[in-house]
Amino acid sequence: MVRKRTASGATDVSFDIIEETPEKSIPRVPTSRVVLFRKNDEAVRRPVQHDTDKQGEALLRQFCARVNWGISRIEEDYGRDFEIEVFREGKTTGILFSLQLKNRAAPAYSAKDGFVSVELEIANARYLAHELETLTIIIQADVSHNRLFWSAPQLDLALLDTLANKPGAQNCTVRVPIANELPLTKDRLLDTVTHTARGLRWPGSQSRRFKS
């Protein structure tokens, strides 16, 4: 504001209008949700069981190569994972059997009774024990200690008793003997397979016979 006195003695008041320069505008960033992505161990890393299964299969294939048995994966079968063909001196013996492979990094060993527990769904157990017409072996792989154990569910009286007397159960346990360790008992395994293939009935067969 400026004051000026005129000739008549009056005072004129004038104002200097200062136009305020607007501050430099700052671009407005649109508000939006910031999503923080956290790596999901199950999605980013391979599931632990997947790796365990690969180790178990590798262990089984090493055993088959060592004893000169052919092994073929069976795709899209509910209870059978592999078919085994027994060779001697480079020639087939005609012995064929199927197996289901169970893989664990820390199998449930019993403290005293000498077995390792394998959990099965009842439907799977019934398929193995009652529905298949060829002998199918369960193999439990202990991938932490490179050990393989086997059991024949169709000949397992305890399993057959469970299936007969607990119709409402959802799961059951197969006790795989530690004494049935491979490769030490491969001849016992072959005896089990060949004797059944010759027509011997097994407890859960309901008078059916194995196909030769």
Protein backbone atom coordinates (compact mmCIF):
# COMPACT_ATOMS: atom_id res chain seq x y z
CA MET A 1 0.00 0.00 0.00
CA VAL A 2 1.30 3.47 -0.98
CA ARG A 3 0.02 6.78 0.51
CA LYS A 4 0.31 9.99 -1.63
CA ARG A 5 -0.68 13.53 -0.57
CA THR A 6 -2.38 15.64 -3.26
CA ALA A 7 -2.26 19.45 -3.78
CA SER A 8 -5.55 19.90 -1.91
CA GLY A 9 -4.10 18.17 1.05
CA ALA A 10 -6.12 15.00 0.59
CA THR A 11 -4.42 11.77 0.81
CA ASP A 12 -4.81 9.29 -1.94
CA VAL A 13 -4.27 5.74 -1.07
CA SER A 14 -3.27 3.40 -3.75
CA PHE A 15 -2.63 -0.27 -3.53
CA ASP A 16 -0.07 -2.20 -5.40
CA ILE A 17 -1.76 -5.45 -6.29
CA ILE A 18 0.78 -8.16 -6.32
CA GLU A 19 -0.33 -11.20 -8.07
CA GLU A 20 0.95 -14.14 -6.12
CA THR A 21 2.64 -16.57 -8.32
CA PRO A 22 1.15 -19.95 -7.65
CA GLU A 23 3.50 -22.46 -6.29
CA LYS A 24 4.80 -24.91 -8.73
CA SER A 25 2.19 -27.54 -8.98
CA ILE A 26 3.16 -31.05 -7.92
CA PRO A 27 1.61 -33.77 -9.98
CA ARG A 28 -0.87 -35.70 -7.91
CA VAL A 29 -0.24 -39.34 -7.78
CA PRO A 30 -3.47 -41.26 -7.94
CA THR A 31 -4.13 -43.11 -4.75
CA SER A 32 -4.13 -46.86 -5.19
CA ARG A 33 -3.68 -49.91 -3.07
CA VAL A 34 -0.15 -51.10 -2.78
CA VAL A 35 -0.06 -54.86 -2.82
CA LEU A 36 2.94 -56.52 -1.31
CA PHE A 37 3.54 -59.93 -2.79
CA ARG A 38 4.96 -62.51 -0.46
CA LYS A 39 6.52 -65.56 -1.91
CA ASN A 40 4.46 -68.58 -1.15
CA ASP A 41 6.73 -71.48 -0.31
CA GLU A 42 4.23 -73.98 -1.69
CA ALA A 43 3.98 -72.13 -5.01
CA VAL A 44 7.55 -70.96 -5.54
CA ARG A 45 9.46 -73.93 -4.24
CA ARG A 46 8.79 -77.46 -5.33
CA PRO A 47 6.71 -79.23 -2.77
CA VAL A 48 8.86 -81.28 -0.45
CA GLN A 49 6.98 -84.51 -1.23
CA HIS A 50 7.63 -84.02 -4.94
CA ASP A 51 11.37 -84.06 -4.30
CA THR A 52 11.01 -87.02 -1.94
CA ASP A 53 9.10 -88.94 -4.63
CA LYS A 54 11.84 -88.26 -7.18
CA GLN A 55 14.48 -89.51 -4.74
CA GLY A 56 12.44 -92.62 -3.99
CA GLU A 57 11.97 -93.42 -7.66
CA ALA A 58 15.68 -92.93 -8.29
CA LEU A 59 16.46 -95.29 -5.41
CA LEU A 60 14.09 -97.92 -6.83
CA ARG A 61 15.55 -97.61 -10.32
CA GLN A 62 19.08 -97.98 -8.95
CA PHE A 63 18.03 -101.19 -7.22
CA CYS A 64 16.42 -102.57 -10.40
CA ALA A 65 19.50 -101.77 -12.44
CA ARG A 66 21.68 -103.47 -9.85
CA VAL A 67 19.72 -106.75 -9.97
CA ASN A 68 19.00 -106.57 -13.71
CA TRP A 69 15.23 -106.04 -13.44
CA GLY A 70 13.38 -104.01 -16.02
CA ILE A 71 11.17 -101.23 -14.68
CA SER A 72 8.43 -99.31 -16.50
CA ARG A 73 6.23 -96.57 -15.10
CA ILE A 74 2.49 -97.19 -15.24
CA GLU A 75 0.60 -94.01 -16.05
CA GLU A 76 -2.87 -93.16 -14.76
CA ASP A 77 -3.40 -96.21 -12.60
CA TYR A 78 -4.99 -95.83 -9.20
CA GLY A 79 -2.86 -98.34 -7.30
CA ARG A 80 0.05 -99.42 -9.48
CA ASP A 81 3.04 -97.18 -10.11
CA PHE A 82 5.51 -99.47 -11.88
CA GLU A 83 5.71 -102.82 -13.66
CA ILE A 84 8.75 -104.96 -12.99
CA GLU A 85 10.13 -107.57 -15.40
CA VAL A 86 12.77 -109.95 -14.07
CA PHE A 87 15.78 -110.70 -16.29
CA ARG A 88 18.59 -113.20 -15.82
CA GLU A 89 21.74 -113.10 -17.89
CA GLY A 90 20.13 -110.59 -20.20
CA LYS A 91 17.09 -112.74 -20.92
CA THR A 92 13.59 -112.33 -19.59
CA THR A 93 12.36 -114.93 -17.13
CA GLY A 94 8.73 -114.16 -17.90
CA ILE A 95 8.23 -112.98 -14.32
CA LEU A 96 6.19 -109.79 -14.21
CA PHE A 97 4.68 -108.00 -11.24
CA SER A 98 3.44 -104.55 -10.32
CA LEU A 99 4.30 -102.37 -7.39
CA GLN A 100 3.12 -99.28 -5.61
CA LEU A 101 5.93 -97.04 -4.38
CA LYS A 102 5.62 -95.08 -1.13
CA ASN A 103 8.31 -92.51 -0.40
CA ARG A 104 9.15 -90.92 2.93
CA ALA A 105 12.07 -88.89 4.20
CA ALA A 106 11.33 -90.10 7.73
CA PRO A 107 9.27 -93.32 7.67
CA ALA A 108 7.36 -94.37 10.77
CA TYR A 109 9.59 -97.13 12.12
CA SER A 110 8.18 -99.14 15.02
CA ALA A 111 10.15 -99.15 18.23
CA LYS A 112 10.05 -102.92 18.86
CA ASP A 113 8.03 -104.88 16.34
CA GLY A 114 10.34 -104.52 13.36
CA PHE A 115 8.17 -102.83 10.78
CA VAL A 116 7.59 -99.51 9.08
CA SER A 117 4.03 -98.16 8.90
CA VAL A 118 2.53 -97.13 5.57
CA GLU A 119 -0.77 -95.25 5.56
CA LEU A 120 -3.25 -96.09 2.81
CA GLU A 121 -6.70 -94.86 1.98
CA ILE A 122 -9.19 -97.68 2.44
CA ALA A 123 -10.24 -97.50 -1.22
CA ASN A 124 -6.62 -97.90 -2.31
CA ALA A 125 -6.06 -100.77 0.12
CA ARG A 126 -9.18 -102.59 -1.13
CA TYR A 127 -8.02 -102.17 -4.70
CA LEU A 128 -4.61 -103.65 -3.91
CA ALA A 129 -5.81 -106.44 -1.65
CA HIS A 130 -9.08 -107.51 -3.29
CA GLU A 131 -9.53 -106.21 -6.81
CA LEU A 132 -6.24 -106.83 -8.58
CA GLU A 133 -5.75 -110.25 -10.13
CA THR A 134 -1.98 -110.00 -10.29
CA LEU A 135 0.29 -109.68 -7.29
CA THR A 136 1.14 -106.09 -6.49
CA ILE A 137 3.93 -105.26 -4.08
CA ILE A 138 4.08 -102.19 -1.83
CA ILE A 139 7.56 -100.77 -1.52
CA GLN A 140 8.40 -98.23 1.15
CA ALA A 141 11.41 -96.09 0.32
CA ASP A 142 13.35 -94.41 3.11
CA VAL A 143 15.09 -91.75 1.06
CA SER A 144 17.08 -90.37 3.99
CA HIS A 145 18.87 -93.68 4.52
CA ASN A 146 18.61 -95.19 1.01
CA ARG A 147 16.58 -98.18 2.15
CA LEU A 148 13.78 -100.13 0.46
CA PHE A 149 11.29 -102.48 2.14
CA TRP A 150 8.51 -104.54 0.57
CA SER A 151 5.18 -106.10 1.48
CA ALA A 152 2.48 -108.06 -0.37
CA PRO A 153 -0.89 -106.58 0.66
CA GLN A 154 -2.88 -109.48 -0.83
CA LEU A 155 -1.06 -111.80 1.61
CA ASP A 156 -1.19 -109.46 4.60
CA LEU A 157 -3.61 -111.10 7.05
CA ALA A 158 -3.68 -108.07 9.37
CA LEU A 159 -4.62 -105.77 6.48
CA LEU A 160 -7.27 -108.19 5.23
CA ASP A 161 -8.75 -108.38 8.74
CA THR A 162 -8.92 -104.57 8.90
CA LEU A 163 -10.68 -104.38 5.54
CA ALA A 164 -13.18 -107.04 6.59
CA ASN A 165 -14.00 -105.71 10.05
CA LYS A 166 -13.75 -101.92 9.70
CA PRO A 167 -15.96 -101.10 6.72
CA GLY A 168 -16.47 -97.49 7.80
CA ALA A 169 -12.79 -96.61 8.13
CA GLN A 170 -11.27 -94.02 5.82
CA ASN A 171 -7.62 -95.03 6.20
CA CYS A 172 -5.65 -98.04 7.30
CA THR A 173 -2.06 -98.95 8.10
CA VAL A 174 0.08 -101.52 6.34
CA ARG A 175 2.96 -102.84 8.40
CA VAL A 176 5.91 -103.42 6.08
CA PRO A 177 8.44 -105.74 7.73
CA ILE A 178 11.93 -104.32 8.11
CA ALA A 179 13.13 -107.88 7.53
CA ASN A 180 11.91 -107.49 3.92
CA GLU A 181 14.68 -105.13 2.91
CA LEU A 182 15.99 -104.94 -0.62
CA PRO A 183 18.25 -106.04 -2.17
CA LEU A 184 18.90 -108.57 0.64
CA THR A 185 15.51 -110.28 0.28
CA LYS A 186 15.01 -110.03 -3.48
CA ASP A 187 14.96 -113.84 -3.76
CA ARG A 188 12.22 -114.02 -1.13
CA LEU A 189 10.28 -111.42 -3.07
CA LEU A 190 10.66 -113.45 -6.28
CA ASP A 191 9.54 -116.60 -4.48
CA THR A 192 6.42 -114.77 -3.30
CA VAL A 193 5.68 -113.59 -6.83
CA THR A 194 6.40 -116.86 -8.63
CA HIS A 195 4.57 -119.10 -6.17
CA THR A 196 1.47 -116.99 -6.50
CA ALA A 197 1.77 -116.88 -10.26
CA ARG A 198 1.70 -120.67 -10.38
CA GLY A 199 -1.86 -120.63 -9.12
CA LEU A 200 -1.63 -120.44 -5.35
CA ARG A 201 -4.61 -118.62 -3.85
CA TRP A 202 -4.09 -115.72 -1.54
CA PRO A 203 -6.32 -114.87 1.43
CA GLY A 204 -8.05 -111.89 -0.12
CA SER A 205 -8.56 -113.42 -3.53
CA GLN A 206 -12.10 -114.74 -2.97
CA SER A 207 -11.06 -117.92 -4.84
CA ARG A 208 -9.60 -116.05 -7.80
CA ARG A 209 -6.20 -116.98 -9.15
CA PHE A 210 -3.34 -114.91 -10.42
CA LYS A 211 -2.83 -114.74 -14.13
CA SER A 212 0.30 -116.56 -15.20
